[in-house]
Amino acid sequence: VGTLEPRKNLDRLVEAARRAHTELRIVGARGWGGVEVTGNGVRWLGEVSDAQLARLYRGAACLAYPSLYEGFGIPVLEAMACGAPVVTTRGTAMEEVADGAAVLVDAHDPAEIAAGIAQAVADRVQLVAKGLERARLFRWDAVAAATVGVYREAVS
């Protein structure tokens, strides 16, 4: 999920999906860097509506998001909020966002990403429960209340 560009690590994700014998659906607009997503079992869906994205998350075996770097990683929380287990990159902002509610992998290792996908499918019930709990902490009303609290503390 996101703009197709080199930092999304799609070449390794495609290889991991092949190794995991799973269909890969990629959502997002073309970006820079000439990133192409092709191969058996790979479907590029382009841009989709928010409602379509939520349906894709709900129907997914997992969200595999082995991006090399992100400022935050909103798709991790979106997937969790929709009840999809998440596989994401160890040592990045996504690890902090997930906070124990995702399978963490080395994004440079397609075999480890594939193993992470298998683990997410096997541990689906536990990961979905943890993910839903984690996503609740980032609801807009909860974030707004926390932000107001920080401002009040700063001016008092």
C-alpha atoms as a PDB file:
ATOM      1  CA  VAL A   1       0.000   0.000   0.000  1.00  0.00           C
ATOM      2  CA  GLY A   2       1.445   3.332  -1.070  1.00  0.00           C
ATOM      3  CA  THR A   3       3.234   4.981  -3.950  1.00  0.00           C
ATOM      4  CA  LEU A   4       5.372   2.586  -5.972  1.00  0.00           C
ATOM      5  CA  GLU A   5       8.954   3.704  -5.390  1.00  0.00           C
ATOM      6  CA  PRO A   6      12.246   2.027  -4.464  1.00  0.00           C
ATOM      7  CA  ARG A   7      11.926   2.469  -0.663  1.00  0.00           C
ATOM      8  CA  LYS A   8       8.780   0.311  -0.678  1.00  0.00           C
ATOM      9  CA  ASN A   9      11.054  -2.689  -1.335  1.00  0.00           C
ATOM     10  CA  LEU A  10       8.646  -4.275  -3.791  1.00  0.00           C
ATOM     11  CA  ASP A  11      11.254  -6.389  -5.566  1.00  0.00           C
ATOM     12  CA  ARG A  12      11.986  -8.285  -2.343  1.00  0.00           C
ATOM     13  CA  LEU A  13       8.293  -8.439  -1.450  1.00  0.00           C
ATOM     14  CA  VAL A  14       7.471 -10.015  -4.825  1.00  0.00           C
ATOM     15  CA  GLU A  15      10.221 -12.598  -4.244  1.00  0.00           C
ATOM     16  CA  ALA A  16       8.946 -13.257  -0.700  1.00  0.00           C
ATOM     17  CA  ALA A  17       5.379 -13.775  -1.934  1.00  0.00           C
ATOM     18  CA  ARG A  18       6.678 -16.225  -4.545  1.00  0.00           C
ATOM     19  CA  ARG A  19       8.544 -18.140  -1.829  1.00  0.00           C
ATOM     20  CA  ALA A  20       5.475 -18.096   0.429  1.00  0.00           C
ATOM     21  CA  HIS A  21       3.283 -19.387  -2.442  1.00  0.00           C
ATOM     22  CA  THR A  22       0.817 -16.568  -1.908  1.00  0.00           C
ATOM     23  CA  GLU A  23      -0.935 -14.069  -4.153  1.00  0.00           C
ATOM     24  CA  LEU A  24       0.345 -10.516  -3.789  1.00  0.00           C
ATOM     25  CA  ARG A  25      -1.953  -7.548  -4.327  1.00  0.00           C
ATOM     26  CA  ILE A  26      -0.251  -4.181  -4.536  1.00  0.00           C
ATOM     27  CA  VAL A  27      -2.209  -0.959  -4.046  1.00  0.00           C
ATOM     28  CA  GLY A  28      -0.872   2.465  -4.956  1.00  0.00           C
ATOM     29  CA  ALA A  29      -0.012   4.949  -7.645  1.00  0.00           C
ATOM     30  CA  ARG A  30       3.118   4.850  -9.745  1.00  0.00           C
ATOM     31  CA  GLY A  31       5.879   6.892  -8.196  1.00  0.00           C
ATOM     32  CA  TRP A  32       9.457   7.606  -9.143  1.00  0.00           C
ATOM     33  CA  GLY A  33      12.301   5.205  -9.755  1.00  0.00           C
ATOM     34  CA  GLY A  34      10.683   3.100 -12.466  1.00  0.00           C
ATOM     35  CA  VAL A  35       9.389   0.488 -10.015  1.00  0.00           C
ATOM     36  CA  GLU A  36       7.528  -2.298 -11.814  1.00  0.00           C
ATOM     37  CA  VAL A  37       5.463  -4.969 -10.110  1.00  0.00           C
ATOM     38  CA  THR A  38       5.056  -8.036 -12.260  1.00  0.00           C
ATOM     39  CA  GLY A  39       5.180 -11.767 -11.925  1.00  0.00           C
ATOM     40  CA  ASN A  40       3.009 -14.802 -11.435  1.00  0.00           C
ATOM     41  CA  GLY A  41       0.602 -14.238  -8.585  1.00  0.00           C
ATOM     42  CA  VAL A  42       1.210 -10.469  -8.503  1.00  0.00           C
ATOM     43  CA  ARG A  43      -1.659  -8.049  -9.116  1.00  0.00           C
ATOM     44  CA  TRP A  44      -1.140  -4.298  -9.171  1.00  0.00           C
ATOM     45  CA  LEU A  45      -4.505  -2.695  -8.393  1.00  0.00           C
ATOM     46  CA  GLY A  46      -3.445   0.934  -8.760  1.00  0.00           C
ATOM     47  CA  GLU A  47      -5.162   3.536  -6.636  1.00  0.00           C
ATOM     48  CA  VAL A  48      -8.341   2.440  -4.847  1.00  0.00           C
ATOM     49  CA  SER A  49     -10.985   4.216  -2.770  1.00  0.00           C
ATOM     50  CA  ASP A  50     -10.832   4.168   1.020  1.00  0.00           C
ATOM     51  CA  ALA A  51     -13.784   1.754   1.080  1.00  0.00           C
ATOM     52  CA  GLN A  52     -12.060  -0.580  -1.395  1.00  0.00           C
ATOM     53  CA  LEU A  53      -8.841  -0.427   0.628  1.00  0.00           C
ATOM     54  CA  ALA A  54     -10.696  -1.352   3.823  1.00  0.00           C
ATOM     55  CA  ARG A  55     -12.268  -4.339   2.015  1.00  0.00           C
ATOM     56  CA  LEU A  56      -8.848  -5.430   0.769  1.00  0.00           C
ATOM     57  CA  TYR A  57      -7.395  -5.240   4.279  1.00  0.00           C
ATOM     58  CA  ARG A  58     -10.335  -7.207   5.724  1.00  0.00           C
ATOM     59  CA  GLY A  59      -9.949  -9.921   3.082  1.00  0.00           C
ATOM     60  CA  ALA A  60      -6.160 -10.173   3.230  1.00  0.00           C
ATOM     61  CA  ALA A  61      -4.245 -13.054   4.762  1.00  0.00           C
ATOM     62  CA  CYS A  62      -1.966 -10.278   6.041  1.00  0.00           C
ATOM     63  CA  LEU A  63      -0.475  -6.910   5.163  1.00  0.00           C
ATOM     64  CA  ALA A  64       3.152  -7.434   4.173  1.00  0.00           C
ATOM     65  CA  TYR A  65       4.781  -4.004   4.452  1.00  0.00           C
ATOM     66  CA  PRO A  66       8.571  -4.453   4.326  1.00  0.00           C
ATOM     67  CA  SER A  67       9.312  -0.840   3.431  1.00  0.00           C
ATOM     68  CA  LEU A  68      12.926   0.213   3.911  1.00  0.00           C
ATOM     69  CA  TYR A  69      11.844   3.412   5.651  1.00  0.00           C
ATOM     70  CA  GLU A  70       8.698   5.391   6.385  1.00  0.00           C
ATOM     71  CA  GLY A  71       8.016   8.541   8.347  1.00  0.00           C
ATOM     72  CA  PHE A  72       5.216   6.777  10.230  1.00  0.00           C
ATOM     73  CA  GLY A  73       3.662   3.854   8.369  1.00  0.00           C
ATOM     74  CA  ILE A  74      -0.073   4.558   8.372  1.00  0.00           C
ATOM     75  CA  PRO A  75      -0.902   1.367   6.393  1.00  0.00           C
ATOM     76  CA  VAL A  76       0.287  -0.653   9.408  1.00  0.00           C
ATOM     77  CA  LEU A  77      -2.415   0.922  11.593  1.00  0.00           C
ATOM     78  CA  GLU A  78      -5.028   0.870   8.825  1.00  0.00           C
ATOM     79  CA  ALA A  79      -4.561  -2.877   8.383  1.00  0.00           C
ATOM     80  CA  MET A  80      -4.658  -3.486  12.133  1.00  0.00           C
ATOM     81  CA  ALA A  81      -7.861  -1.439  12.462  1.00  0.00           C
ATOM     82  CA  CYS A  82      -9.441  -3.589   9.726  1.00  0.00           C
ATOM     83  CA  GLY A  83      -8.436  -6.863  11.379  1.00  0.00           C
ATOM     84  CA  ALA A  84      -5.507  -7.863   9.178  1.00  0.00           C
ATOM     85  CA  PRO A  85      -2.306  -9.247  10.712  1.00  0.00           C
ATOM     86  CA  VAL A  86       0.789  -7.247   9.778  1.00  0.00           C
ATOM     87  CA  VAL A  87       4.316  -8.149   8.676  1.00  0.00           C
ATOM     88  CA  THR A  88       6.635  -5.139   8.690  1.00  0.00           C
ATOM     89  CA  THR A  89      10.233  -4.026   8.959  1.00  0.00           C
ATOM     90  CA  ARG A  90      12.308  -4.403  12.094  1.00  0.00           C
ATOM     91  CA  GLY A  91      14.312  -1.329  13.141  1.00  0.00           C
ATOM     92  CA  THR A  92      12.087   1.291  11.486  1.00  0.00           C
ATOM     93  CA  ALA A  93       9.251   3.610  12.473  1.00  0.00           C
ATOM     94  CA  MET A  94       6.821   0.783  11.670  1.00  0.00           C
ATOM     95  CA  GLU A  95       8.252  -1.316  14.507  1.00  0.00           C
ATOM     96  CA  GLU A  96       7.460   1.501  16.928  1.00  0.00           C
ATOM     97  CA  VAL A  97       3.990   2.001  15.452  1.00  0.00           C
ATOM     98  CA  ALA A  98       3.219  -1.734  15.684  1.00  0.00           C
ATOM     99  CA  ASP A  99       4.634  -2.028  19.227  1.00  0.00           C
ATOM    100  CA  GLY A 100       4.485  -5.809  19.506  1.00  0.00           C
ATOM    101  CA  ALA A 101       1.351  -6.275  17.397  1.00  0.00           C
ATOM    102  CA  ALA A 102       3.105  -7.299  14.151  1.00  0.00           C
ATOM    103  CA  VAL A 103       5.593  -9.830  12.844  1.00  0.00           C
ATOM    104  CA  LEU A 104       8.914  -8.013  12.366  1.00  0.00           C
ATOM    105  CA  VAL A 105      11.339  -8.991   9.608  1.00  0.00           C
ATOM    106  CA  ASP A 106      14.594  -7.965   7.975  1.00  0.00           C
ATOM    107  CA  ALA A 107      13.364  -6.140   4.872  1.00  0.00           C
ATOM    108  CA  HIS A 108      16.549  -7.035   2.984  1.00  0.00           C
ATOM    109  CA  ASP A 109      15.880 -10.792   3.247  1.00  0.00           C
ATOM    110  CA  PRO A 110      13.077 -12.197   1.046  1.00  0.00           C
ATOM    111  CA  ALA A 111      13.275 -15.555   2.843  1.00  0.00           C
ATOM    112  CA  GLU A 112      12.675 -13.850   6.187  1.00  0.00           C
ATOM    113  CA  ILE A 113       9.801 -11.820   4.746  1.00  0.00           C
ATOM    114  CA  ALA A 114       8.270 -15.067   3.404  1.00  0.00           C
ATOM    115  CA  ALA A 115       8.678 -16.704   6.827  1.00  0.00           C
ATOM    116  CA  GLY A 116       7.044 -13.643   8.389  1.00  0.00           C
ATOM    117  CA  ILE A 117       4.066 -13.989   6.073  1.00  0.00           C
ATOM    118  CA  ALA A 118       3.704 -17.655   7.077  1.00  0.00           C
ATOM    119  CA  GLN A 119       3.974 -16.699  10.757  1.00  0.00           C
ATOM    120  CA  ALA A 120       1.327 -13.974  10.397  1.00  0.00           C
ATOM    121  CA  VAL A 121      -1.072 -16.445   8.812  1.00  0.00           C
ATOM    122  CA  ALA A 122      -0.367 -19.065  11.508  1.00  0.00           C
ATOM    123  CA  ASP A 123      -0.681 -16.564  14.381  1.00  0.00           C
ATOM    124  CA  ARG A 124      -3.604 -14.669  12.849  1.00  0.00           C
ATOM    125  CA  VAL A 125      -5.952 -14.766  15.849  1.00  0.00           C
ATOM    126  CA  GLN A 126      -3.398 -13.381  18.296  1.00  0.00           C
ATOM    127  CA  LEU A 127      -2.029 -10.783  15.866  1.00  0.00           C
ATOM    128  CA  VAL A 128      -5.485  -9.512  14.929  1.00  0.00           C
ATOM    129  CA  ALA A 129      -6.429  -9.108  18.603  1.00  0.00           C
ATOM    130  CA  LYS A 130      -3.193  -7.252  19.385  1.00  0.00           C
ATOM    131  CA  GLY A 131      -3.522  -5.163  16.230  1.00  0.00           C
ATOM    132  CA  LEU A 132      -7.078  -4.059  16.978  1.00  0.00           C
ATOM    133  CA  GLU A 133      -5.998  -3.063  20.486  1.00  0.00           C
ATOM    134  CA  ARG A 134      -3.000  -1.145  19.151  1.00  0.00           C
ATOM    135  CA  ALA A 135      -5.016   0.640  16.443  1.00  0.00           C
ATOM    136  CA  ARG A 136      -7.525   1.898  19.034  1.00  0.00           C
ATOM    137  CA  LEU A 137      -4.751   3.991  20.588  1.00  0.00           C
ATOM    138  CA  PHE A 138      -4.444   5.934  17.325  1.00  0.00           C
ATOM    139  CA  ARG A 139      -8.108   6.810  16.782  1.00  0.00           C
ATOM    140  CA  TRP A 140      -8.442  10.490  15.882  1.00  0.00           C
ATOM    141  CA  ASP A 141     -10.313  11.341  19.104  1.00  0.00           C
ATOM    142  CA  ALA A 142      -7.635   9.633  21.232  1.00  0.00           C
ATOM    143  CA  VAL A 143      -4.801  11.369  19.369  1.00  0.00           C
ATOM    144  CA  ALA A 144      -6.565  14.746  19.601  1.00  0.00           C
ATOM    145  CA  ALA A 145      -7.085  14.356  23.365  1.00  0.00           C
ATOM    146  CA  ALA A 146      -3.434  13.405  23.868  1.00  0.00           C
ATOM    147  CA  THR A 147      -2.295  16.384  21.782  1.00  0.00           C
ATOM    148  CA  VAL A 148      -4.468  18.797  23.789  1.00  0.00           C
ATOM    149  CA  GLY A 149      -2.987  17.319  26.969  1.00  0.00           C
ATOM    150  CA  VAL A 150       0.549  18.009  25.749  1.00  0.00           C
ATOM    151  CA  TYR A 151      -0.331  21.629  24.914  1.00  0.00           C
ATOM    152  CA  ARG A 152      -2.007  22.159  28.297  1.00  0.00           C
ATOM    153  CA  GLU A 153       1.039  20.779  30.061  1.00  0.00           C
ATOM    154  CA  ALA A 154       3.359  22.975  27.990  1.00  0.00           C
ATOM    155  CA  VAL A 155       1.527  26.219  28.831  1.00  0.00           C
ATOM    156  CA  SER A 156       0.984  25.517  32.528  1.00  0.00           C
END
